């Protein structure tokens, strides 16, 4: 299987169901934590609560990059809604 090159995701990043599996970028927990600017334990909690989808590979997780972008967009939208409604 060829090694997938890391590309910067565009604003229109498609979800995994829309793309061939070899094109889905998977992030480690550490990479996900860096992208979200949170501790790694927070990423594990988000995965365990089902708030962030992940794929288990052995004893570790891989998080689809599109899921991180989707989570950040939702968090930003939720925050904006709270600020405008109250």
N, C-alpha and C. Protein backbone atom coordinates (compact mmCIF):
# COMPACT_ATOMS: atom_id res chain seq x y z
N UNK A 1 0.84 -1.17 0.00
CA UNK A 1 0.00 0.00 0.00
C UNK A 1 0.89 1.24 0.00
N UNK A 2 0.68 2.19 -0.91
CA UNK A 2 1.54 3.36 -0.96
C UNK A 2 1.31 4.27 0.24
N UNK A 3 2.37 4.95 0.65
CA UNK A 3 2.29 5.86 1.77
C UNK A 3 1.57 7.13 1.32
N UNK A 4 0.56 7.52 2.08
CA UNK A 4 -0.21 8.72 1.73
C UNK A 4 0.60 9.96 2.09
N UNK A 5 0.64 10.90 1.17
CA UNK A 5 1.36 12.14 1.46
C UNK A 5 0.49 13.05 2.27
N UNK A 6 1.10 13.82 3.15
CA UNK A 6 0.36 14.76 3.98
C UNK A 6 0.09 16.00 3.17
N UNK A 7 -1.16 16.36 3.07
CA UNK A 7 -1.55 17.57 2.37
C UNK A 7 -2.32 18.45 3.32
N UNK A 8 -2.22 19.75 3.11
CA UNK A 8 -3.02 20.67 3.89
C UNK A 8 -4.47 20.51 3.46
N UNK A 9 -5.39 20.27 4.41
CA UNK A 9 -6.78 20.12 4.04
C UNK A 9 -7.36 21.45 3.59
N UNK A 10 -8.23 21.39 2.59
CA UNK A 10 -8.88 22.60 2.14
C UNK A 10 -10.13 22.84 2.97
N UNK A 11 -10.73 23.98 2.81
CA UNK A 11 -11.96 24.30 3.53
C UNK A 11 -13.07 23.33 3.15
N UNK A 12 -13.01 22.77 1.95
CA UNK A 12 -14.03 21.87 1.46
C UNK A 12 -13.65 20.41 1.65
N UNK A 13 -12.96 20.09 2.73
CA UNK A 13 -12.53 18.72 2.98
C UNK A 13 -13.75 17.80 3.04
N UNK A 14 -13.74 16.77 2.22
CA UNK A 14 -14.87 15.84 2.18
C UNK A 14 -14.76 14.85 3.33
N UNK A 15 -15.90 14.33 3.73
CA UNK A 15 -15.91 13.31 4.76
C UNK A 15 -15.44 11.99 4.18
N UNK A 16 -15.09 11.05 5.04
CA UNK A 16 -14.49 9.79 4.61
C UNK A 16 -15.36 9.03 3.62
N UNK A 17 -16.68 9.05 3.78
CA UNK A 17 -17.56 8.33 2.89
C UNK A 17 -17.53 8.85 1.47
N UNK A 18 -17.05 10.07 1.29
CA UNK A 18 -17.01 10.70 -0.02
C UNK A 18 -15.68 10.51 -0.73
N UNK A 19 -14.71 9.89 -0.08
CA UNK A 19 -13.37 9.79 -0.64
C UNK A 19 -12.87 8.36 -0.57
N UNK A 20 -12.00 7.98 -1.50
CA UNK A 20 -11.37 6.65 -1.39
C UNK A 20 -10.58 6.57 -0.08
N UNK A 21 -10.57 5.42 0.55
CA UNK A 21 -9.91 5.28 1.85
C UNK A 21 -8.43 5.64 1.82
N UNK A 22 -7.76 5.40 0.69
CA UNK A 22 -6.34 5.74 0.63
C UNK A 22 -6.10 7.25 0.56
N UNK A 23 -7.16 8.03 0.43
CA UNK A 23 -7.02 9.49 0.41
C UNK A 23 -7.43 10.15 1.72
N UNK A 24 -7.95 9.36 2.67
CA UNK A 24 -8.36 9.91 3.96
C UNK A 24 -7.13 10.07 4.83
N UNK A 25 -6.87 11.29 5.25
CA UNK A 25 -5.71 11.53 6.12
C UNK A 25 -6.07 11.17 7.55
N UNK A 26 -5.25 10.33 8.17
CA UNK A 26 -5.45 9.93 9.55
C UNK A 26 -4.39 10.57 10.43
N UNK A 27 -4.83 11.14 11.55
CA UNK A 27 -3.92 11.80 12.49
C UNK A 27 -3.75 10.95 13.73
N UNK A 28 -2.56 11.00 14.31
CA UNK A 28 -2.34 10.34 15.59
C UNK A 28 -3.03 11.16 16.68
N UNK A 29 -3.12 10.61 17.87
CA UNK A 29 -3.71 11.35 18.99
C UNK A 29 -2.87 12.60 19.26
N UNK A 30 -1.55 12.47 19.18
CA UNK A 30 -0.68 13.62 19.42
C UNK A 30 -0.92 14.72 18.37
N UNK A 31 -1.02 14.34 17.11
CA UNK A 31 -1.27 15.32 16.05
C UNK A 31 -2.63 15.98 16.22
N UNK A 32 -3.62 15.18 16.63
CA UNK A 32 -4.96 15.71 16.86
C UNK A 32 -4.93 16.70 18.02
N UNK A 33 -4.25 16.34 19.09
CA UNK A 33 -4.15 17.23 20.24
C UNK A 33 -3.47 18.54 19.86
N UNK A 34 -2.45 18.47 19.05
CA UNK A 34 -1.77 19.69 18.61
C UNK A 34 -2.69 20.55 17.76
N UNK A 35 -3.46 19.92 16.87
CA UNK A 35 -4.39 20.67 16.02
C UNK A 35 -5.48 21.34 16.84
N UNK A 36 -5.97 20.65 17.87
CA UNK A 36 -7.03 21.20 18.72
C UNK A 36 -6.48 22.07 19.84
N UNK A 37 -5.16 22.01 20.04
CA UNK A 37 -4.48 22.74 21.12
C UNK A 37 -5.03 22.35 22.49
N UNK A 38 -5.11 21.04 22.68
CA UNK A 38 -5.56 20.46 23.95
C UNK A 38 -4.61 19.34 24.33
N UNK A 39 -4.64 18.90 25.59
CA UNK A 39 -3.82 17.75 25.98
C UNK A 39 -4.30 16.47 25.30
N UNK A 40 -3.41 15.50 25.18
CA UNK A 40 -3.76 14.22 24.55
C UNK A 40 -4.88 13.51 25.29
N UNK A 41 -4.95 13.66 26.62
CA UNK A 41 -6.00 13.02 27.41
C UNK A 41 -7.37 13.56 26.99
N UNK A 42 -7.44 14.82 26.59
CA UNK A 42 -8.71 15.39 26.13
C UNK A 42 -9.15 14.74 24.83
N UNK A 43 -8.22 14.46 23.94
CA UNK A 43 -8.55 13.77 22.69
C UNK A 43 -9.10 12.38 23.01
N UNK A 44 -8.47 11.67 23.93
CA UNK A 44 -8.96 10.34 24.32
C UNK A 44 -10.38 10.44 24.88
N UNK A 45 -10.65 11.45 25.69
CA UNK A 45 -11.99 11.63 26.26
C UNK A 45 -13.01 11.93 25.17
N UNK A 46 -12.66 12.79 24.22
CA UNK A 46 -13.58 13.11 23.12
C UNK A 46 -13.91 11.87 22.31
N UNK A 47 -12.91 11.01 22.09
CA UNK A 47 -13.12 9.77 21.35
C UNK A 47 -14.01 8.83 22.17
N UNK A 48 -13.72 8.68 23.45
CA UNK A 48 -14.50 7.77 24.30
C UNK A 48 -15.95 8.22 24.42
N UNK A 49 -16.21 9.53 24.43
CA UNK A 49 -17.57 10.06 24.52
C UNK A 49 -18.30 10.05 23.19
N UNK A 50 -17.58 9.71 22.11
CA UNK A 50 -18.20 9.67 20.80
C UNK A 50 -18.31 11.04 20.14
N UNK A 51 -17.64 12.04 20.71
CA UNK A 51 -17.69 13.39 20.15
C UNK A 51 -16.70 13.59 19.01
N UNK A 52 -15.76 12.68 18.91
CA UNK A 52 -14.75 12.73 17.86
C UNK A 52 -14.54 11.31 17.34
N UNK A 53 -14.89 11.05 16.09
CA UNK A 53 -14.74 9.68 15.57
C UNK A 53 -13.27 9.30 15.44
N UNK A 54 -12.99 8.03 15.63
CA UNK A 54 -11.62 7.54 15.52
C UNK A 54 -11.63 6.09 15.10
N UNK A 55 -10.51 5.67 14.59
CA UNK A 55 -10.30 4.29 14.17
C UNK A 55 -9.25 3.70 15.09
N UNK A 56 -9.57 2.57 15.69
CA UNK A 56 -8.61 1.91 16.58
C UNK A 56 -7.64 1.11 15.72
N UNK A 57 -6.36 1.34 15.95
CA UNK A 57 -5.31 0.57 15.28
C UNK A 57 -4.44 -0.03 16.38
N UNK A 58 -4.69 -1.29 16.68
CA UNK A 58 -3.96 -1.91 17.78
C UNK A 58 -4.39 -1.29 19.09
N UNK A 59 -3.43 -0.73 19.82
CA UNK A 59 -3.74 -0.11 21.11
C UNK A 59 -3.89 1.41 21.01
N UNK A 60 -3.80 1.94 19.81
CA UNK A 60 -3.90 3.39 19.65
C UNK A 60 -5.05 3.76 18.72
N UNK A 61 -5.29 5.05 18.60
CA UNK A 61 -6.35 5.56 17.75
C UNK A 61 -5.76 6.38 16.62
N UNK A 62 -6.51 6.47 15.53
CA UNK A 62 -6.21 7.41 14.45
C UNK A 62 -7.50 8.18 14.21
N UNK A 63 -7.37 9.48 14.10
CA UNK A 63 -8.53 10.35 13.92
C UNK A 63 -8.50 10.90 12.50
N UNK A 64 -9.59 10.74 11.75
CA UNK A 64 -9.62 11.32 10.41
C UNK A 64 -9.50 12.84 10.49
N UNK A 65 -8.67 13.41 9.63
CA UNK A 65 -8.45 14.86 9.66
C UNK A 65 -9.76 15.61 9.43
N UNK A 66 -10.64 15.08 8.56
CA UNK A 66 -11.90 15.77 8.32
C UNK A 66 -12.71 15.89 9.61
N UNK A 67 -12.60 14.90 10.52
CA UNK A 67 -13.35 14.92 11.77
C UNK A 67 -12.86 16.03 12.68
N UNK A 68 -11.56 16.29 12.66
CA UNK A 68 -11.00 17.38 13.45
C UNK A 68 -11.52 18.72 12.94
N UNK A 69 -11.53 18.89 11.62
CA UNK A 69 -12.03 20.13 11.02
C UNK A 69 -13.52 20.32 11.32
N UNK A 70 -14.27 19.23 11.22
CA UNK A 70 -15.71 19.29 11.50
C UNK A 70 -15.95 19.66 12.97
N UNK A 71 -15.18 19.06 13.88
CA UNK A 71 -15.31 19.34 15.30
C UNK A 71 -15.00 20.82 15.59
N UNK A 72 -13.95 21.34 14.98
CA UNK A 72 -13.58 22.74 15.20
C UNK A 72 -14.64 23.69 14.64
N UNK A 73 -15.17 23.38 13.46
CA UNK A 73 -16.24 24.23 12.89
C UNK A 73 -17.46 24.23 13.80
N UNK A 74 -17.84 23.06 14.31
CA UNK A 74 -19.00 22.96 15.19
C UNK A 74 -18.75 23.73 16.49
N UNK A 75 -17.56 23.60 17.04
CA UNK A 75 -17.24 24.30 18.28
C UNK A 75 -17.30 25.82 18.07
N UNK A 76 -16.80 26.28 16.94
CA UNK A 76 -16.83 27.72 16.63
C UNK A 76 -18.26 28.19 16.44
N UNK A 77 -19.07 27.41 15.77
CA UNK A 77 -20.48 27.76 15.55
C UNK A 77 -21.23 27.80 16.87
N UNK A 78 -21.01 26.78 17.71
CA UNK A 78 -21.67 26.74 19.02
C UNK A 78 -21.29 27.94 19.86
N UNK A 79 -20.03 28.32 19.81
CA UNK A 79 -19.56 29.46 20.59
C UNK A 79 -20.20 30.75 20.09
N UNK A 80 -20.27 30.91 18.77
CA UNK A 80 -20.89 32.10 18.18
C UNK A 80 -22.36 32.16 18.54
N UNK A 81 -23.05 31.03 18.53
CA UNK A 81 -24.47 30.99 18.88
C UNK A 81 -24.68 31.41 20.34
N UNK A 82 -23.81 30.95 21.23
CA UNK A 82 -23.93 31.32 22.64
C UNK A 82 -23.71 32.82 22.82
N UNK A 83 -22.75 33.38 22.09
CA UNK A 83 -22.45 34.80 22.22
C UNK A 83 -23.56 35.69 21.67
N UNK A 84 -24.26 35.26 20.66
CA UNK A 84 -25.31 36.07 20.06
C UNK A 84 -26.65 35.88 20.76
N UNK A 85 -26.81 34.76 21.45
CA UNK A 85 -28.10 34.49 22.11
C UNK A 85 -28.09 34.76 23.61
N UNK A 86 -27.05 35.28 24.11
CA UNK A 86 -27.14 35.45 25.53
C UNK A 86 -26.04 36.10 26.17
